[in-house]
PDB file of N, CA and C in Angstrom:
ATOM      1  N   MET A   1      27.843 -36.107  28.882  1.00  0.00           N
ATOM      2  CA  MET A   1      28.446 -34.769  29.126  1.00  0.00           C
ATOM      3  C   MET A   1      29.209 -34.619  29.711  1.00  0.00           C
ATOM      4  N   ASN A   2      29.942 -33.369  29.798  1.00  0.00           N
ATOM      5  CA  ASN A   2      31.388 -33.294  31.062  1.00  0.00           C
ATOM      6  C   ASN A   2      30.392 -31.908  31.281  1.00  0.00           C
ATOM      7  N   ARG A   3      31.487 -31.987  33.097  1.00  0.00           N
ATOM      8  CA  ARG A   3      31.694 -30.743  33.679  1.00  0.00           C
ATOM      9  C   ARG A   3      32.725 -29.942  33.475  1.00  0.00           C
ATOM     10  N   THR A   4      33.209 -28.880  33.892  1.00  0.00           N
ATOM     11  CA  THR A   4      34.511 -27.892  34.312  1.00  0.00           C
ATOM     12  C   THR A   4      33.973 -26.818  35.262  1.00  0.00           C
ATOM     13  N   GLN A   5      35.339 -26.477  35.615  1.00  0.00           N
ATOM     14  CA  GLN A   5      34.675 -25.434  36.710  1.00  0.00           C
ATOM     15  C   GLN A   5      35.418 -23.919  36.372  1.00  0.00           C
ATOM     16  N   SER A   6      35.084 -23.174  36.547  1.00  0.00           N
ATOM     17  CA  SER A   6      35.911 -21.485  35.800  1.00  0.00           C
ATOM     18  C   SER A   6      36.677 -20.967  37.214  1.00  0.00           C
ATOM     19  N   SER A   7      37.147 -20.018  36.705  1.00  0.00           N
ATOM     20  CA  SER A   7      38.080 -19.383  37.937  1.00  0.00           C
ATOM     21  C   SER A   7      37.123 -18.886  39.020  1.00  0.00           C
ATOM     22  N   ASP A   8      35.643 -18.717  38.524  1.00  0.00           N
ATOM     23  CA  ASP A   8      34.803 -17.904  40.013  1.00  0.00           C
ATOM     24  C   ASP A   8      34.199 -18.905  40.596  1.00  0.00           C
ATOM     25  N   GLY A   9      34.212 -20.025  39.850  1.00  0.00           N
ATOM     26  CA  GLY A   9      33.606 -21.286  40.242  1.00  0.00           C
ATOM     27  C   GLY A   9      32.330 -21.959  39.701  1.00  0.00           C
ATOM     28  N   THR A  10      31.316 -21.171  38.842  1.00  0.00           N
ATOM     29  CA  THR A  10      30.578 -21.449  38.056  1.00  0.00           C
ATOM     30  C   THR A  10      30.785 -23.068  36.686  1.00  0.00           C
ATOM     31  N   VAL A  11      30.218 -23.917  37.261  1.00  0.00           N
ATOM     32  CA  VAL A  11      29.951 -25.047  36.431  1.00  0.00           C
ATOM     33  C   VAL A  11      29.206 -24.976  35.051  1.00  0.00           C
ATOM     34  N   ILE A  12      30.484 -25.513  34.051  1.00  0.00           N
ATOM     35  CA  ILE A  12      30.403 -25.265  32.702  1.00  0.00           C
ATOM     36  C   ILE A  12      30.287 -26.807  32.051  1.00  0.00           C
ATOM     37  N   ALA A  13      28.864 -26.642  31.122  1.00  0.00           N
ATOM     38  CA  ALA A  13      28.970 -27.986  30.645  1.00  0.00           C
ATOM     39  C   ALA A  13      29.589 -28.154  29.732  1.00  0.00           C
ATOM     40  N   PHE A  14      29.839 -28.971  29.223  1.00  0.00           N
ATOM     41  CA  PHE A  14      30.074 -29.389  27.167  1.00  0.00           C
ATOM     42  C   PHE A  14      30.224 -30.906  26.975  1.00  0.00           C
ATOM     43  N   ASP A  15      29.692 -30.889  25.714  1.00  0.00           N
ATOM     44  CA  ASP A  15      30.374 -31.991  24.961  1.00  0.00           C
ATOM     45  C   ASP A  15      31.254 -32.323  24.370  1.00  0.00           C
ATOM     46  N   HIS A  16      32.507 -32.911  23.563  1.00  0.00           N
ATOM     47  CA  HIS A  16      33.395 -33.196  22.847  1.00  0.00           C
ATOM     48  C   HIS A  16      33.139 -34.972  22.315  1.00  0.00           C
ATOM     49  N   SER A  17      33.717 -34.883  20.933  1.00  0.00           N
ATOM     50  CA  SER A  17      33.472 -35.681  20.330  1.00  0.00           C
ATOM     51  C   SER A  17      35.008 -35.462  18.885  1.00  0.00           C
ATOM     52  N   GLY A  18      34.471 -36.519  17.897  1.00  0.00           N
ATOM     53  CA  GLY A  18      35.735 -36.476  16.565  1.00  0.00           C
ATOM     54  C   GLY A  18      37.243 -36.751  17.392  1.00  0.00           C
ATOM     55  N   THR A  19      38.304 -36.215  16.446  1.00  0.00           N
ATOM     56  CA  THR A  19      39.152 -36.862  16.528  1.00  0.00           C
ATOM     57  C   THR A  19      39.914 -35.401  15.768  1.00  0.00           C
ATOM     58  N   GLY A  20      41.383 -35.759  16.446  1.00  0.00           N
ATOM     59  CA  GLY A  20      41.681 -33.929  15.381  1.00  0.00           C
ATOM     60  C   GLY A  20      42.818 -32.640  16.458  1.00  0.00           C
ATOM     61  N   PRO A  21      42.638 -32.138  15.574  1.00  0.00           N
ATOM     62  CA  PRO A  21      43.102 -30.534  16.071  1.00  0.00           C
ATOM     63  C   PRO A  21      41.836 -30.266  16.615  1.00  0.00           C
ATOM     64  N   PRO A  22      41.349 -28.884  17.702  1.00  0.00           N
ATOM     65  CA  PRO A  22      40.479 -29.017  18.602  1.00  0.00           C
ATOM     66  C   PRO A  22      39.882 -27.633  18.025  1.00  0.00           C
ATOM     67  N   VAL A  23      38.685 -27.800  17.876  1.00  0.00           N
ATOM     68  CA  VAL A  23      37.884 -26.956  17.768  1.00  0.00           C
ATOM     69  C   VAL A  23      36.593 -26.379  18.500  1.00  0.00           C
ATOM     70  N   ILE A  24      36.136 -25.435  19.066  1.00  0.00           N
ATOM     71  CA  ILE A  24      35.016 -24.772  20.037  1.00  0.00           C
ATOM     72  C   ILE A  24      34.303 -24.039  19.113  1.00  0.00           C
ATOM     73  N   LEU A  25      32.838 -25.246  19.142  1.00  0.00           N
ATOM     74  CA  LEU A  25      31.939 -24.444  18.626  1.00  0.00           C
ATOM     75  C   LEU A  25      31.025 -23.403  19.606  1.00  0.00           C
ATOM     76  N   VAL A  26      31.253 -21.808  19.097  1.00  0.00           N
ATOM     77  CA  VAL A  26      30.296 -21.364  20.185  1.00  0.00           C
ATOM     78  C   VAL A  26      28.781 -21.230  19.987  1.00  0.00           C
ATOM     79  N   VAL A  27      28.122 -21.123  20.888  1.00  0.00           N
ATOM     80  CA  VAL A  27      26.486 -21.176  20.230  1.00  0.00           C
ATOM     81  C   VAL A  27      25.794 -18.761  19.951  1.00  0.00           C
ATOM     82  N   GLY A  28      24.729 -19.050  19.657  1.00  0.00           N
ATOM     83  CA  GLY A  28      24.070 -17.417  19.557  1.00  0.00           C
ATOM     84  C   GLY A  28      23.854 -17.475  21.233  1.00  0.00           C
ATOM     85  N   ALA A  29      23.305 -16.389  21.413  1.00  0.00           N
ATOM     86  CA  ALA A  29      23.261 -16.007  22.704  1.00  0.00           C
ATOM     87  C   ALA A  29      21.849 -16.555  23.175  1.00  0.00           C
ATOM     88  N   PHE A  30      20.574 -17.491  22.460  1.00  0.00           N
ATOM     89  CA  PHE A  30      20.091 -18.016  23.593  1.00  0.00           C
ATOM     90  C   PHE A  30      20.144 -19.450  23.299  1.00  0.00           C
ATOM     91  N   PRO A  31      20.489 -20.067  22.070  1.00  0.00           N
ATOM     92  CA  PRO A  31      20.536 -21.435  21.829  1.00  0.00           C
ATOM     93  C   PRO A  31      21.801 -21.851  23.181  1.00  0.00           C
ATOM     94  N   ASP A  32      21.458 -23.861  23.476  1.00  0.00           N
ATOM     95  CA  ASP A  32      22.537 -24.007  24.439  1.00  0.00           C
ATOM     96  C   ASP A  32      23.173 -25.365  23.265  1.00  0.00           C
ATOM     97  N   ARG A  33      23.916 -26.268  23.662  1.00  0.00           N
ATOM     98  CA  ARG A  33      25.351 -26.506  22.711  1.00  0.00           C
ATOM     99  C   ARG A  33      24.225 -27.838  21.791  1.00  0.00           C
ATOM    100  N   SER A  34      23.053 -28.139  21.937  1.00  0.00           N
ATOM    101  CA  SER A  34      22.341 -29.010  20.946  1.00  0.00           C
ATOM    102  C   SER A  34      21.981 -27.996  19.985  1.00  0.00           C
ATOM    103  N   SER A  35      21.934 -26.928  19.826  1.00  0.00           N
ATOM    104  CA  SER A  35      22.156 -26.105  18.553  1.00  0.00           C
ATOM    105  C   SER A  35      23.187 -26.348  17.669  1.00  0.00           C
ATOM    106  N   THR A  36      23.486 -26.789  18.079  1.00  0.00           N
ATOM    107  CA  THR A  36      25.067 -26.989  17.129  1.00  0.00           C
ATOM    108  C   THR A  36      25.811 -28.539  17.476  1.00  0.00           C
ATOM    109  N   LYS A  37      24.656 -29.697  16.965  1.00  0.00           N
ATOM    110  CA  LYS A  37      25.414 -31.273  17.619  1.00  0.00           C
ATOM    111  C   LYS A  37      25.728 -31.454  15.616  1.00  0.00           C
ATOM    112  N   THR A  38      24.980 -30.884  14.706  1.00  0.00           N
ATOM    113  CA  THR A  38      24.676 -31.422  13.334  1.00  0.00           C
ATOM    114  C   THR A  38      25.981 -31.068  12.560  1.00  0.00           C
ATOM    115  N   LEU A  39      26.188 -29.225  13.416  1.00  0.00           N
ATOM    116  CA  LEU A  39      27.652 -28.893  12.247  1.00  0.00           C
ATOM    117  C   LEU A  39      29.030 -29.756  13.512  1.00  0.00           C
ATOM    118  N   ALA A  40      28.776 -29.990  14.658  1.00  0.00           N
ATOM    119  CA  ALA A  40      29.789 -31.550  15.148  1.00  0.00           C
ATOM    120  C   ALA A  40      29.987 -32.057  14.931  1.00  0.00           C
ATOM    121  N   SER A  41      29.049 -32.665  13.967  1.00  0.00           N
ATOM    122  CA  SER A  41      28.840 -34.569  13.223  1.00  0.00           C
ATOM    123  C   SER A  41      29.875 -34.281  12.165  1.00  0.00           C
ATOM    124  N   ARG A  42      29.268 -33.686  11.449  1.00  0.00           N
ATOM    125  CA  ARG A  42      30.325 -33.259  10.246  1.00  0.00           C
ATOM    126  C   ARG A  42      31.636 -33.289  10.617  1.00  0.00           C
ATOM    127  N   LEU A  43      32.406 -32.018  11.519  1.00  0.00           N
ATOM    128  CA  LEU A  43      33.336 -31.724  12.190  1.00  0.00           C
ATOM    129  C   LEU A  43      34.185 -32.958  12.792  1.00  0.00           C
ATOM    130  N   GLY A  44      33.068 -34.153  13.301  1.00  0.00           N
ATOM    131  CA  GLY A  44      34.229 -34.916  14.061  1.00  0.00           C
ATOM    132  C   GLY A  44      35.372 -35.512  13.611  1.00  0.00           C
ATOM    133  N   SER A  45      34.654 -35.673  12.147  1.00  0.00           N
ATOM    134  CA  SER A  45      35.798 -37.011  11.283  1.00  0.00           C
ATOM    135  C   SER A  45      36.603 -36.223  11.276  1.00  0.00           C
ATOM    136  N   HIS A  46      36.967 -35.415  11.138  1.00  0.00           N
ATOM    137  CA  HIS A  46      38.902 -33.939  10.677  1.00  0.00           C
ATOM    138  C   HIS A  46      39.380 -33.558  12.535  1.00  0.00           C
ATOM    139  N   PHE A  47      37.726 -33.329  13.067  1.00  0.00           N
ATOM    140  CA  PHE A  47      38.256 -32.697  14.709  1.00  0.00           C
ATOM    141  C   PHE A  47      37.845 -32.752  15.785  1.00  0.00           C
ATOM    142  N   THR A  48      38.518 -32.709  17.037  1.00  0.00           N
ATOM    143  CA  THR A  48      37.521 -32.709  18.533  1.00  0.00           C
ATOM    144  C   THR A  48      37.522 -31.582  18.129  1.00  0.00           C
ATOM    145  N   VAL A  49      35.949 -31.850  17.962  1.00  0.00           N
ATOM    146  CA  VAL A  49      34.375 -30.175  18.848  1.00  0.00           C
ATOM    147  C   VAL A  49      34.593 -30.586  20.183  1.00  0.00           C
ATOM    148  N   PHE A  50      34.550 -29.411  20.919  1.00  0.00           N
ATOM    149  CA  PHE A  50      33.787 -29.435  21.786  1.00  0.00           C
ATOM    150  C   PHE A  50      32.651 -27.959  21.625  1.00  0.00           C
ATOM    151  N   GLU A  51      31.345 -28.354  22.118  1.00  0.00           N
ATOM    152  CA  GLU A  51      30.148 -27.681  22.790  1.00  0.00           C
ATOM    153  C   GLU A  51      30.152 -27.363  23.819  1.00  0.00           C
ATOM    154  N   TYR A  52      29.608 -26.140  23.890  1.00  0.00           N
ATOM    155  CA  TYR A  52      29.389 -26.166  25.786  1.00  0.00           C
ATOM    156  C   TYR A  52      28.405 -24.892  25.633  1.00  0.00           C
ATOM    157  N   ASP A  53      27.460 -25.062  26.990  1.00  0.00           N
ATOM    158  CA  ASP A  53      26.554 -24.219  27.007  1.00  0.00           C
ATOM    159  C   ASP A  53      26.974 -23.263  27.985  1.00  0.00           C
ATOM    160  N   ARG A  54      27.151 -21.859  27.194  1.00  0.00           N
ATOM    161  CA  ARG A  54      26.909 -20.596  28.020  1.00  0.00           C
ATOM    162  C   ARG A  54      26.101 -20.461  29.472  1.00  0.00           C
ATOM    163  N   ARG A  55      27.455 -19.691  30.256  1.00  0.00           N
ATOM    164  CA  ARG A  55      26.582 -19.222  31.618  1.00  0.00           C
ATOM    165  C   ARG A  55      25.121 -19.617  31.779  1.00  0.00           C
ATOM    166  N   GLY A  56      24.245 -20.560  33.110  1.00  0.00           N
ATOM    167  CA  GLY A  56      23.188 -19.237  33.397  1.00  0.00           C
ATOM    168  C   GLY A  56      22.410 -20.241  31.927  1.00  0.00           C
ATOM    169  N   ARG A  57      22.600 -21.192  30.961  1.00  0.00           N
ATOM    170  CA  ARG A  57      22.273 -21.833  29.790  1.00  0.00           C
ATOM    171  C   ARG A  57      22.121 -23.241  30.460  1.00  0.00           C
ATOM    172  N   SER A  58      20.801 -24.057  29.957  1.00  0.00           N
ATOM    173  CA  SER A  58      20.598 -25.258  29.908  1.00  0.00           C
ATOM    174  C   SER A  58      21.651 -25.895  31.469  1.00  0.00           C
ATOM    175  N   ASP A  59      22.237 -27.116  30.596  1.00  0.00           N
ATOM    176  CA  ASP A  59      23.809 -27.199  31.934  1.00  0.00           C
ATOM    177  C   ASP A  59      24.123 -27.033  32.735  1.00  0.00           C
ATOM    178  N   SER A  60      24.927 -25.567  31.795  1.00  0.00           N
ATOM    179  CA  SER A  60      25.566 -24.508  32.670  1.00  0.00           C
ATOM    180  C   SER A  60      25.006 -23.796  33.925  1.00  0.00           C
ATOM    181  N   GLY A  61      26.072 -23.278  35.323  1.00  0.00           N
ATOM    182  CA  GLY A  61      25.233 -22.920  36.028  1.00  0.00           C
ATOM    183  C   GLY A  61      25.271 -20.973  35.808  1.00  0.00           C
ATOM    184  N   ASP A  62      24.919 -20.044  37.101  1.00  0.00           N
ATOM    185  CA  ASP A  62      25.644 -19.426  36.115  1.00  0.00           C
ATOM    186  C   ASP A  62      26.219 -18.578  38.101  1.00  0.00           C
ATOM    187  N   THR A  63      26.338 -17.188  38.022  1.00  0.00           N
ATOM    188  CA  THR A  63      26.945 -16.440  39.186  1.00  0.00           C
ATOM    189  C   THR A  63      25.966 -15.598  39.082  1.00  0.00           C
ATOM    190  N   THR A  64      26.192 -14.901  40.785  1.00  0.00           N
ATOM    191  CA  THR A  64      25.205 -13.550  40.882  1.00  0.00           C
ATOM    192  C   THR A  64      26.527 -12.404  40.013  1.00  0.00           C
ATOM    193  N   VAL A  65      27.650 -12.304  40.856  1.00  0.00           N
ATOM    194  CA  VAL A  65      28.738 -11.593  40.378  1.00  0.00           C
ATOM    195  C   VAL A  65      29.351 -12.029  39.100  1.00  0.00           C
ATOM    196  N   TYR A  66      28.867 -11.441  38.292  1.00  0.00           N
ATOM    197  CA  TYR A  66      29.918 -11.929  36.670  1.00  0.00           C
ATOM    198  C   TYR A  66      30.330 -10.784  35.923  1.00  0.00           C
ATOM    199  N   SER A  67      31.195 -11.180  35.738  1.00  0.00           N
ATOM    200  CA  SER A  67      32.376  -9.987  34.640  1.00  0.00           C
ATOM    201  C   SER A  67      32.628 -10.450  33.595  1.00  0.00           C
ATOM    202  N   VAL A  68      32.928  -9.737  32.546  1.00  0.00           N
ATOM    203  CA  VAL A  68      33.522 -10.287  31.133  1.00  0.00           C
ATOM    204  C   VAL A  68      34.227 -11.031  30.884  1.00  0.00           C
ATOM    205  N   ALA A  69      35.716 -10.738  32.345  1.00  0.00           N
ATOM    206  CA  ALA A  69      37.195 -10.960  32.862  1.00  0.00           C
ATOM    207  C   ALA A  69      36.742 -12.242  32.752  1.00  0.00           C
ATOM    208  N   ALA A  70      35.300 -12.934  33.629  1.00  0.00           N
ATOM    209  CA  ALA A  70      35.462 -13.957  34.328  1.00  0.00           C
ATOM    210  C   ALA A  70      35.231 -15.259  33.695  1.00  0.00           C
TER     211      ALA A  70
END
């Protein structure tokens, strides 16, 4: 697991695997990045795949002041 920090200070957890051009997998409303593991493993031979936990889910943080722009 890797972490990055958004401009408002929220910590976002992500995984990356594979080699090649980058592809970002975005999960649905409720799951976390574990739900994209099968797809990521299939894409990894052609792409660098990034999977992340959305704010407030699994290993990512959340903030009390939230806006779509953030």
